[in-house]
């Protein structure tokens, strides 16, 4: 576990440094019309570097060698991972909204063991709300599939 923490913290620390450098290049100050382009990425990079530094110090102080993952801890991770991988693959075929509806419905019923009413309400409601917010209010096009084309979008 210690080696995984050190490796992950080091890689993210390096990534934070790259973001920090590029944000400074874009400008991190405040202009006449508000914050410059690099202001928010710079702030996020500072937080990332601080958090990774704290994790790195904790990992270096720890001496116990515990395994990164045990067989018992891997099963719940895979329960989340495989449906998520399937959803990402399905986005390219069915579009974001249909894929997310199927993912939510499947995951709520299979992993959460929720009743059909809650499953249908969430599996239909969340993608419809997401569609309204992104496609109509913000006018941000998301990946669409044949169902959206059939509906005229």
N, C-alpha and C. Protein backbone atom coordinates (compact mmCIF):
# COMPACT_ATOMS: atom_id res chain seq x y z
N UNK A 1 0.82 -1.18 0.00
CA UNK A 1 0.00 0.00 0.00
C UNK A 1 0.87 1.25 0.00
N UNK A 2 1.98 1.19 0.71
CA UNK A 2 2.88 2.35 0.81
C UNK A 2 3.44 2.72 -0.57
N UNK A 3 3.87 1.72 -1.31
CA UNK A 3 4.44 1.98 -2.64
C UNK A 3 3.38 2.56 -3.58
N UNK A 4 2.15 2.07 -3.49
CA UNK A 4 1.08 2.60 -4.34
C UNK A 4 0.77 4.05 -3.98
N UNK A 5 0.74 4.37 -2.69
CA UNK A 5 0.50 5.74 -2.27
C UNK A 5 1.60 6.68 -2.75
N UNK A 6 2.84 6.24 -2.59
CA UNK A 6 3.97 7.07 -3.00
C UNK A 6 3.96 7.29 -4.51
N UNK A 7 3.71 6.24 -5.26
CA UNK A 7 3.68 6.34 -6.72
C UNK A 7 2.55 7.25 -7.19
N UNK A 8 1.36 7.03 -6.67
CA UNK A 8 0.21 7.84 -7.09
C UNK A 8 0.41 9.30 -6.70
N UNK A 9 0.84 9.55 -5.48
CA UNK A 9 1.06 10.94 -5.04
C UNK A 9 2.14 11.61 -5.88
N UNK A 10 3.19 10.89 -6.22
CA UNK A 10 4.27 11.47 -7.03
C UNK A 10 3.80 11.82 -8.43
N UNK A 11 3.04 10.91 -9.05
CA UNK A 11 2.55 11.17 -10.41
C UNK A 11 1.59 12.35 -10.41
N UNK A 12 0.67 12.40 -9.43
CA UNK A 12 -0.28 13.51 -9.36
C UNK A 12 0.41 14.81 -8.97
N UNK A 13 1.46 14.73 -8.18
CA UNK A 13 2.25 15.92 -7.85
C UNK A 13 2.90 16.49 -9.10
N UNK A 14 3.44 15.61 -9.92
CA UNK A 14 4.03 16.03 -11.19
C UNK A 14 2.98 16.64 -12.12
N UNK A 15 1.81 16.01 -12.20
CA UNK A 15 0.72 16.53 -13.01
C UNK A 15 0.29 17.91 -12.50
N UNK A 16 0.19 18.06 -11.18
CA UNK A 16 -0.14 19.36 -10.61
C UNK A 16 0.89 20.42 -10.97
N UNK A 17 2.15 20.04 -10.99
CA UNK A 17 3.20 20.97 -11.39
C UNK A 17 3.07 21.41 -12.84
N UNK A 18 2.72 20.48 -13.71
CA UNK A 18 2.52 20.81 -15.13
C UNK A 18 1.35 21.78 -15.28
N UNK A 19 0.24 21.49 -14.58
CA UNK A 19 -0.93 22.38 -14.64
C UNK A 19 -0.58 23.75 -14.07
N UNK A 20 0.15 23.78 -12.97
CA UNK A 20 0.56 25.03 -12.35
C UNK A 20 1.40 25.87 -13.31
N UNK A 21 2.36 25.24 -13.96
CA UNK A 21 3.22 25.94 -14.91
C UNK A 21 2.42 26.49 -16.09
N UNK A 22 1.52 25.66 -16.65
CA UNK A 22 0.75 26.11 -17.80
C UNK A 22 -0.27 27.17 -17.42
N UNK A 23 -0.84 27.07 -16.23
CA UNK A 23 -1.79 28.08 -15.78
C UNK A 23 -1.08 29.43 -15.60
N UNK A 24 0.13 29.39 -15.08
CA UNK A 24 0.90 30.63 -14.93
C UNK A 24 1.21 31.24 -16.29
N UNK A 25 1.44 30.38 -17.27
CA UNK A 25 1.70 30.85 -18.63
C UNK A 25 0.46 31.56 -19.20
N UNK A 26 -0.73 31.05 -18.88
CA UNK A 26 -1.97 31.65 -19.36
C UNK A 26 -2.33 32.94 -18.63
N UNK A 27 -1.84 33.08 -17.42
CA UNK A 27 -2.16 34.25 -16.61
C UNK A 27 -3.06 33.87 -15.45
N UNK A 28 -2.59 34.16 -14.24
CA UNK A 28 -3.34 33.75 -13.06
C UNK A 28 -3.94 34.94 -12.31
N UNK A 29 -3.75 36.11 -12.86
CA UNK A 29 -4.24 37.31 -12.19
C UNK A 29 -5.69 37.61 -12.50
N UNK A 30 -6.06 38.81 -12.13
CA UNK A 30 -7.42 39.27 -12.33
C UNK A 30 -7.38 40.38 -13.36
N UNK A 31 -8.12 40.21 -14.45
CA UNK A 31 -8.16 41.22 -15.51
C UNK A 31 -9.33 42.17 -15.34
N UNK A 32 -9.51 43.04 -16.30
CA UNK A 32 -10.62 44.00 -16.24
C UNK A 32 -11.97 43.32 -16.36
N UNK A 33 -12.01 42.17 -17.01
CA UNK A 33 -13.28 41.46 -17.20
C UNK A 33 -13.39 40.22 -16.31
N UNK A 34 -12.58 40.11 -15.28
CA UNK A 34 -12.66 38.98 -14.37
C UNK A 34 -11.35 38.21 -14.34
N UNK A 35 -11.41 36.98 -13.85
CA UNK A 35 -10.18 36.19 -13.75
C UNK A 35 -9.64 35.81 -15.13
N UNK A 36 -8.32 35.77 -15.20
CA UNK A 36 -7.69 35.35 -16.46
C UNK A 36 -7.83 33.85 -16.63
N UNK A 37 -7.48 33.35 -17.79
CA UNK A 37 -7.71 31.95 -18.15
C UNK A 37 -7.05 30.95 -17.22
N UNK A 38 -5.94 31.28 -16.65
CA UNK A 38 -5.23 30.32 -15.81
C UNK A 38 -5.55 30.39 -14.33
N UNK A 39 -6.47 31.30 -13.94
CA UNK A 39 -6.73 31.51 -12.52
C UNK A 39 -7.28 30.25 -11.83
N UNK A 40 -8.36 29.70 -12.35
CA UNK A 40 -8.97 28.52 -11.71
C UNK A 40 -8.11 27.27 -11.83
N UNK A 41 -7.50 27.00 -13.00
CA UNK A 41 -6.58 25.85 -13.04
C UNK A 41 -5.41 26.00 -12.08
N UNK A 42 -4.93 27.22 -11.90
CA UNK A 42 -3.84 27.45 -10.96
C UNK A 42 -4.28 27.11 -9.54
N UNK A 43 -5.47 27.59 -9.15
CA UNK A 43 -5.98 27.30 -7.79
C UNK A 43 -6.16 25.80 -7.59
N UNK A 44 -6.71 25.12 -8.57
CA UNK A 44 -6.90 23.67 -8.47
C UNK A 44 -5.56 22.94 -8.39
N UNK A 45 -4.57 23.42 -9.14
CA UNK A 45 -3.24 22.80 -9.11
C UNK A 45 -2.59 22.98 -7.75
N UNK A 46 -2.78 24.14 -7.13
CA UNK A 46 -2.21 24.37 -5.79
C UNK A 46 -2.84 23.41 -4.79
N UNK A 47 -4.16 23.23 -4.85
CA UNK A 47 -4.84 22.29 -3.96
C UNK A 47 -4.36 20.86 -4.21
N UNK A 48 -4.23 20.48 -5.49
CA UNK A 48 -3.76 19.13 -5.83
C UNK A 48 -2.35 18.90 -5.32
N UNK A 49 -1.47 19.86 -5.50
CA UNK A 49 -0.09 19.72 -5.04
C UNK A 49 -0.05 19.62 -3.52
N UNK A 50 -0.84 20.43 -2.83
CA UNK A 50 -0.88 20.37 -1.37
C UNK A 50 -1.39 19.02 -0.87
N UNK A 51 -2.47 18.52 -1.46
CA UNK A 51 -3.01 17.23 -1.04
C UNK A 51 -2.03 16.09 -1.34
N UNK A 52 -1.42 16.13 -2.50
CA UNK A 52 -0.45 15.07 -2.84
C UNK A 52 0.78 15.14 -1.96
N UNK A 53 1.21 16.35 -1.61
CA UNK A 53 2.33 16.49 -0.69
C UNK A 53 2.02 15.88 0.66
N UNK A 54 0.80 16.12 1.16
CA UNK A 54 0.40 15.55 2.45
C UNK A 54 0.34 14.02 2.38
N UNK A 55 -0.20 13.48 1.29
CA UNK A 55 -0.26 12.03 1.12
C UNK A 55 1.14 11.44 1.03
N UNK A 56 2.03 12.12 0.32
CA UNK A 56 3.40 11.64 0.18
C UNK A 56 4.12 11.61 1.52
N UNK A 57 3.94 12.66 2.33
CA UNK A 57 4.57 12.70 3.66
C UNK A 57 4.02 11.58 4.53
N UNK A 58 2.71 11.37 4.53
CA UNK A 58 2.11 10.29 5.32
C UNK A 58 2.62 8.93 4.87
N UNK A 59 2.71 8.74 3.56
CA UNK A 59 3.17 7.45 3.04
C UNK A 59 4.63 7.20 3.39
N UNK A 60 5.45 8.23 3.36
CA UNK A 60 6.87 8.06 3.69
C UNK A 60 7.07 7.78 5.17
N UNK A 61 6.18 8.29 6.03
CA UNK A 61 6.28 8.04 7.47
C UNK A 61 5.80 6.65 7.84
N UNK A 62 4.92 6.08 7.04
CA UNK A 62 4.34 4.78 7.34
C UNK A 62 5.36 3.69 7.01
N UNK A 63 5.48 2.72 7.89
CA UNK A 63 6.47 1.67 7.65
C UNK A 63 5.83 0.31 7.39
N UNK A 64 4.58 0.13 7.78
CA UNK A 64 3.93 -1.18 7.61
C UNK A 64 3.70 -1.48 6.13
N UNK A 65 3.96 -2.70 5.78
CA UNK A 65 3.76 -3.15 4.40
C UNK A 65 2.47 -3.96 4.33
N UNK A 66 1.38 -3.29 4.05
CA UNK A 66 0.12 -4.00 3.86
C UNK A 66 -0.13 -4.15 2.37
N UNK A 67 -0.84 -5.18 1.96
CA UNK A 67 -1.11 -5.34 0.53
C UNK A 67 -1.99 -4.21 0.00
N UNK A 68 -1.78 -3.87 -1.26
CA UNK A 68 -2.54 -2.79 -1.89
C UNK A 68 -4.02 -3.14 -1.95
N UNK A 69 -4.32 -4.37 -2.35
CA UNK A 69 -5.72 -4.80 -2.40
C UNK A 69 -5.77 -6.30 -2.10
N UNK A 70 -6.77 -6.68 -1.32
CA UNK A 70 -6.96 -8.10 -1.03
C UNK A 70 -8.10 -8.62 -1.91
N UNK A 71 -8.24 -9.91 -1.94
CA UNK A 71 -9.29 -10.53 -2.74
C UNK A 71 -10.68 -10.06 -2.31
N UNK A 72 -10.87 -9.91 -1.01
CA UNK A 72 -12.16 -9.47 -0.48
C UNK A 72 -12.47 -8.03 -0.87
N UNK A 73 -11.46 -7.19 -0.94
CA UNK A 73 -11.66 -5.78 -1.29
C UNK A 73 -11.76 -5.57 -2.80
N UNK A 74 -11.30 -6.51 -3.58
CA UNK A 74 -11.35 -6.37 -5.03
C UNK A 74 -12.75 -6.59 -5.59
N UNK A 75 -13.52 -7.47 -4.99
CA UNK A 75 -14.86 -7.78 -5.50
C UNK A 75 -15.77 -6.56 -5.57
N UNK A 76 -15.86 -5.71 -4.52
CA UNK A 76 -16.72 -4.52 -4.64
C UNK A 76 -16.22 -3.53 -5.70
N UNK A 77 -14.92 -3.46 -5.88
CA UNK A 77 -14.37 -2.57 -6.91
C UNK A 77 -14.80 -3.05 -8.30
N UNK A 78 -14.72 -4.33 -8.53
CA UNK A 78 -15.13 -4.88 -9.82
C UNK A 78 -16.64 -4.74 -10.03
N UNK A 79 -17.41 -4.77 -8.95
CA UNK A 79 -18.85 -4.57 -9.05
C UNK A 79 -19.16 -3.19 -9.60
N UNK A 80 -18.34 -2.22 -9.30
CA UNK A 80 -18.51 -0.86 -9.82
C UNK A 80 -17.84 -0.72 -11.18
N UNK A 81 -16.70 -1.34 -11.36
CA UNK A 81 -15.90 -1.15 -12.57
C UNK A 81 -16.55 -1.69 -13.83
N UNK A 82 -17.02 -2.93 -13.82
CA UNK A 82 -17.52 -3.54 -15.06
C UNK A 82 -18.75 -2.84 -15.63
N UNK A 83 -19.75 -2.47 -14.83
CA UNK A 83 -20.86 -1.71 -15.42
C UNK A 83 -20.42 -0.35 -15.96
N UNK A 84 -19.46 0.29 -15.30
CA UNK A 84 -18.98 1.58 -15.78
C UNK A 84 -18.24 1.44 -17.11
N UNK A 85 -17.45 0.40 -17.24
CA UNK A 85 -16.75 0.14 -18.51
C UNK A 85 -17.77 -0.14 -19.62
N UNK A 86 -18.80 -0.91 -19.29
CA UNK A 86 -19.84 -1.21 -20.27
C UNK A 86 -20.57 0.07 -20.70
N UNK A 87 -20.81 0.96 -19.76
CA UNK A 87 -21.49 2.21 -20.11
C UNK A 87 -20.64 3.06 -21.05
N UNK A 88 -19.35 3.17 -20.75
CA UNK A 88 -18.46 3.95 -21.61
C UNK A 88 -18.43 3.37 -23.02
N UNK A 89 -18.40 2.05 -23.13
CA UNK A 89 -18.42 1.42 -24.45
C UNK A 89 -19.76 1.65 -25.15
N UNK A 90 -20.83 1.66 -24.38
CA UNK A 90 -22.16 1.83 -24.96
C UNK A 90 -22.42 3.26 -25.42
N UNK A 91 -21.73 4.24 -24.85
CA UNK A 91 -21.92 5.64 -25.25
C UNK A 91 -21.63 5.81 -26.73
N UNK A 92 -20.64 5.12 -27.26
CA UNK A 92 -20.26 5.27 -28.66
C UNK A 92 -21.31 4.67 -29.60
N UNK A 93 -22.09 3.75 -29.10
CA UNK A 93 -23.10 3.09 -29.93
C UNK A 93 -24.48 3.72 -29.73
N UNK A 94 -24.87 3.92 -28.48
CA UNK A 94 -26.24 4.34 -28.18
C UNK A 94 -26.36 5.82 -27.80
N UNK A 95 -25.24 6.49 -27.56
CA UNK A 95 -25.30 7.88 -27.12
C UNK A 95 -25.26 7.96 -25.61
N UNK A 96 -24.96 9.15 -25.11
CA UNK A 96 -24.78 9.35 -23.68
C UNK A 96 -26.05 9.13 -22.88
N UNK A 97 -27.17 9.62 -23.39
CA UNK A 97 -28.39 9.59 -22.60
C UNK A 97 -28.96 8.18 -22.47
N UNK A 98 -28.97 7.43 -23.53
CA UNK A 98 -29.47 6.05 -23.47
C UNK A 98 -28.51 5.19 -22.65
N UNK A 99 -27.20 5.38 -22.85
CA UNK A 99 -26.22 4.61 -22.09
C UNK A 99 -26.33 4.91 -20.60
N UNK A 100 -26.51 6.17 -20.24
CA UNK A 100 -26.62 6.49 -18.82
C UNK A 100 -27.92 5.98 -18.23
N UNK A 101 -28.99 5.97 -18.99
CA UNK A 101 -30.26 5.41 -18.51
C UNK A 101 -30.11 3.91 -18.25
N UNK A 102 -29.49 3.21 -19.18
CA UNK A 102 -29.29 1.77 -18.99
C UNK A 102 -28.35 1.49 -17.82
N UNK A 103 -27.29 2.27 -17.72
CA UNK A 103 -26.34 2.10 -16.62
C UNK A 103 -27.02 2.33 -15.26
N UNK A 104 -27.72 3.45 -15.15
CA UNK A 104 -28.38 3.75 -13.88
C UNK A 104 -29.40 2.68 -13.51
N UNK A 105 -30.20 2.29 -14.49
CA UNK A 105 -31.22 1.27 -14.22
C UNK A 105 -30.60 -0.05 -13.81
N UNK A 106 -29.61 -0.49 -14.56
CA UNK A 106 -28.95 -1.76 -14.25
C UNK A 106 -28.26 -1.71 -12.90
N UNK A 107 -27.51 -0.66 -12.67
CA UNK A 107 -26.73 -0.58 -11.44
C UNK A 107 -27.62 -0.44 -10.21
N UNK A 108 -28.67 0.37 -10.32
CA UNK A 108 -29.57 0.52 -9.17
C UNK A 108 -30.26 -0.80 -8.84
N UNK A 109 -30.66 -1.53 -9.87
CA UNK A 109 -31.38 -2.78 -9.62
C UNK A 109 -30.43 -3.89 -9.18
N UNK A 110 -29.28 -4.01 -9.87
CA UNK A 110 -28.35 -5.12 -9.62
C UNK A 110 -27.55 -4.91 -8.34
N UNK A 111 -26.89 -3.77 -8.22
CA UNK A 111 -26.02 -3.54 -7.06
C UNK A 111 -26.79 -2.95 -5.88
N UNK A 112 -27.72 -2.05 -6.17
CA UNK A 112 -28.44 -1.39 -5.09
C UNK A 112 -29.68 -2.12 -4.62
N UNK A 113 -30.16 -3.05 -5.44
CA UNK A 113 -31.37 -3.82 -5.12
C UNK A 113 -32.57 -2.92 -4.80
N UNK A 114 -32.68 -1.81 -5.57
CA UNK A 114 -33.81 -0.89 -5.38
C UNK A 114 -35.04 -1.43 -6.08
N UNK A 115 -36.20 -0.92 -5.68
CA UNK A 115 -37.45 -1.31 -6.30
C UNK A 115 -37.59 -0.74 -7.70
N UNK A 116 -38.49 -1.32 -8.48
CA UNK A 116 -38.64 -0.93 -9.87
C UNK A 116 -39.09 0.52 -10.03
N UNK A 117 -39.88 1.02 -9.11
CA UNK A 117 -40.35 2.41 -9.22
C UNK A 117 -39.17 3.38 -9.14
N UNK A 118 -38.32 3.20 -8.15
CA UNK A 118 -37.14 4.06 -8.00
C UNK A 118 -36.19 3.90 -9.18
N UNK A 119 -36.03 2.66 -9.64
CA UNK A 119 -35.13 2.41 -10.76
C UNK A 119 -35.60 3.14 -12.01
N UNK A 120 -36.87 3.01 -12.35
CA UNK A 120 -37.40 3.64 -13.57
C UNK A 120 -37.37 5.16 -13.43
N UNK A 121 -37.77 5.69 -12.27
CA UNK A 121 -37.76 7.14 -12.09
C UNK A 121 -36.35 7.72 -12.24
N UNK A 122 -35.37 7.10 -11.63
CA UNK A 122 -33.99 7.61 -11.74
C UNK A 122 -33.39 7.36 -13.11
N UNK A 123 -33.60 6.16 -13.64
CA UNK A 123 -33.00 5.81 -14.93
C UNK A 123 -33.56 6.65 -16.06
N UNK A 124 -34.77 7.11 -15.94
CA UNK A 124 -35.35 7.98 -16.97
C UNK A 124 -35.17 9.45 -16.60
N UNK A 125 -35.38 9.77 -15.32
CA UNK A 125 -35.35 11.16 -14.89
C UNK A 125 -34.00 11.83 -14.99
N UNK A 126 -32.96 11.15 -14.58
CA UNK A 126 -31.62 11.77 -14.59
C UNK A 126 -31.15 12.06 -16.02
N UNK A 127 -31.24 11.12 -16.97
CA UNK A 127 -30.84 11.47 -18.34
C UNK A 127 -31.71 12.55 -18.98
N UNK A 128 -33.01 12.56 -18.67
CA UNK A 128 -33.87 13.61 -19.22
C UNK A 128 -33.48 14.97 -18.65
N UNK A 129 -33.25 15.03 -17.35
CA UNK A 129 -32.81 16.28 -16.72
C UNK A 129 -31.45 16.72 -17.28
N UNK A 130 -30.55 15.79 -17.45
CA UNK A 130 -29.24 16.09 -18.03
C UNK A 130 -29.38 16.62 -19.45
N UNK A 131 -30.28 16.00 -20.23
CA UNK A 131 -30.53 16.46 -21.60
C UNK A 131 -31.05 17.89 -21.60
N UNK A 132 -32.02 18.17 -20.74
CA UNK A 132 -32.59 19.52 -20.69
C UNK A 132 -31.53 20.54 -20.31
N UNK A 133 -30.73 20.23 -19.30
CA UNK A 133 -29.72 21.18 -18.84
C UNK A 133 -28.66 21.42 -19.90
N UNK A 134 -28.08 20.35 -20.44
CA UNK A 134 -26.96 20.54 -21.37
C UNK A 134 -27.40 20.90 -22.78
N UNK A 135 -28.40 20.24 -23.30
CA UNK A 135 -28.77 20.44 -24.70
C UNK A 135 -29.62 21.69 -24.91
N UNK A 136 -30.52 22.01 -23.98
CA UNK A 136 -31.41 23.14 -24.22
C UNK A 136 -30.96 24.40 -23.48
N UNK A 137 -30.58 24.28 -22.21
CA UNK A 137 -30.20 25.47 -21.46
C UNK A 137 -28.81 25.95 -21.81
N UNK A 138 -27.81 25.05 -21.72
CA UNK A 138 -26.43 25.45 -21.98
C UNK A 138 -26.03 25.31 -23.45
N UNK A 139 -26.84 24.63 -24.22
CA UNK A 139 -26.59 24.38 -25.65
C UNK A 139 -25.22 23.73 -25.88
N UNK A 140 -24.94 22.73 -25.05
CA UNK A 140 -23.71 21.96 -25.19
C UNK A 140 -24.08 20.60 -25.77
N UNK A 141 -23.63 20.31 -26.97
CA UNK A 141 -23.99 19.01 -27.57
C UNK A 141 -23.23 17.87 -26.90
N UNK A 142 -23.96 16.84 -26.57
CA UNK A 142 -23.39 15.63 -25.98
C UNK A 142 -23.49 14.50 -27.01
N UNK A 143 -22.72 13.43 -26.81
CA UNK A 143 -22.80 12.31 -27.76
C UNK A 143 -24.21 11.74 -27.83
N UNK A 144 -24.73 11.64 -29.05
CA UNK A 144 -26.08 11.15 -29.25
C UNK A 144 -26.06 9.88 -30.07
N UNK A 145 -27.11 9.11 -29.93
CA UNK A 145 -27.24 7.86 -30.65
C UNK A 145 -28.49 7.85 -31.50
N UNK A 146 -28.92 6.67 -31.91
CA UNK A 146 -30.08 6.57 -32.81
C UNK A 146 -31.40 7.02 -32.18
N UNK A 147 -31.56 6.89 -30.87
CA UNK A 147 -32.81 7.32 -30.23
C UNK A 147 -32.97 8.83 -30.34
N UNK A 148 -31.91 9.56 -30.07
CA UNK A 148 -31.97 11.02 -30.18
C UNK A 148 -32.19 11.45 -31.62
N UNK A 149 -31.58 10.74 -32.57
CA UNK A 149 -31.79 11.04 -34.00
C UNK A 149 -33.25 10.78 -34.36
N UNK A 150 -33.84 9.71 -33.86
CA UNK A 150 -35.23 9.39 -34.11
C UNK A 150 -36.16 10.46 -33.55
N UNK A 151 -35.75 11.07 -32.41
CA UNK A 151 -36.54 12.12 -31.78
C UNK A 151 -36.29 13.50 -32.41
N UNK A 152 -35.36 13.57 -33.35
CA UNK A 152 -35.09 14.82 -34.06
C UNK A 152 -33.96 15.65 -33.51
N UNK A 153 -33.09 15.07 -32.71
CA UNK A 153 -31.95 15.83 -32.15
C UNK A 153 -30.66 15.38 -32.73
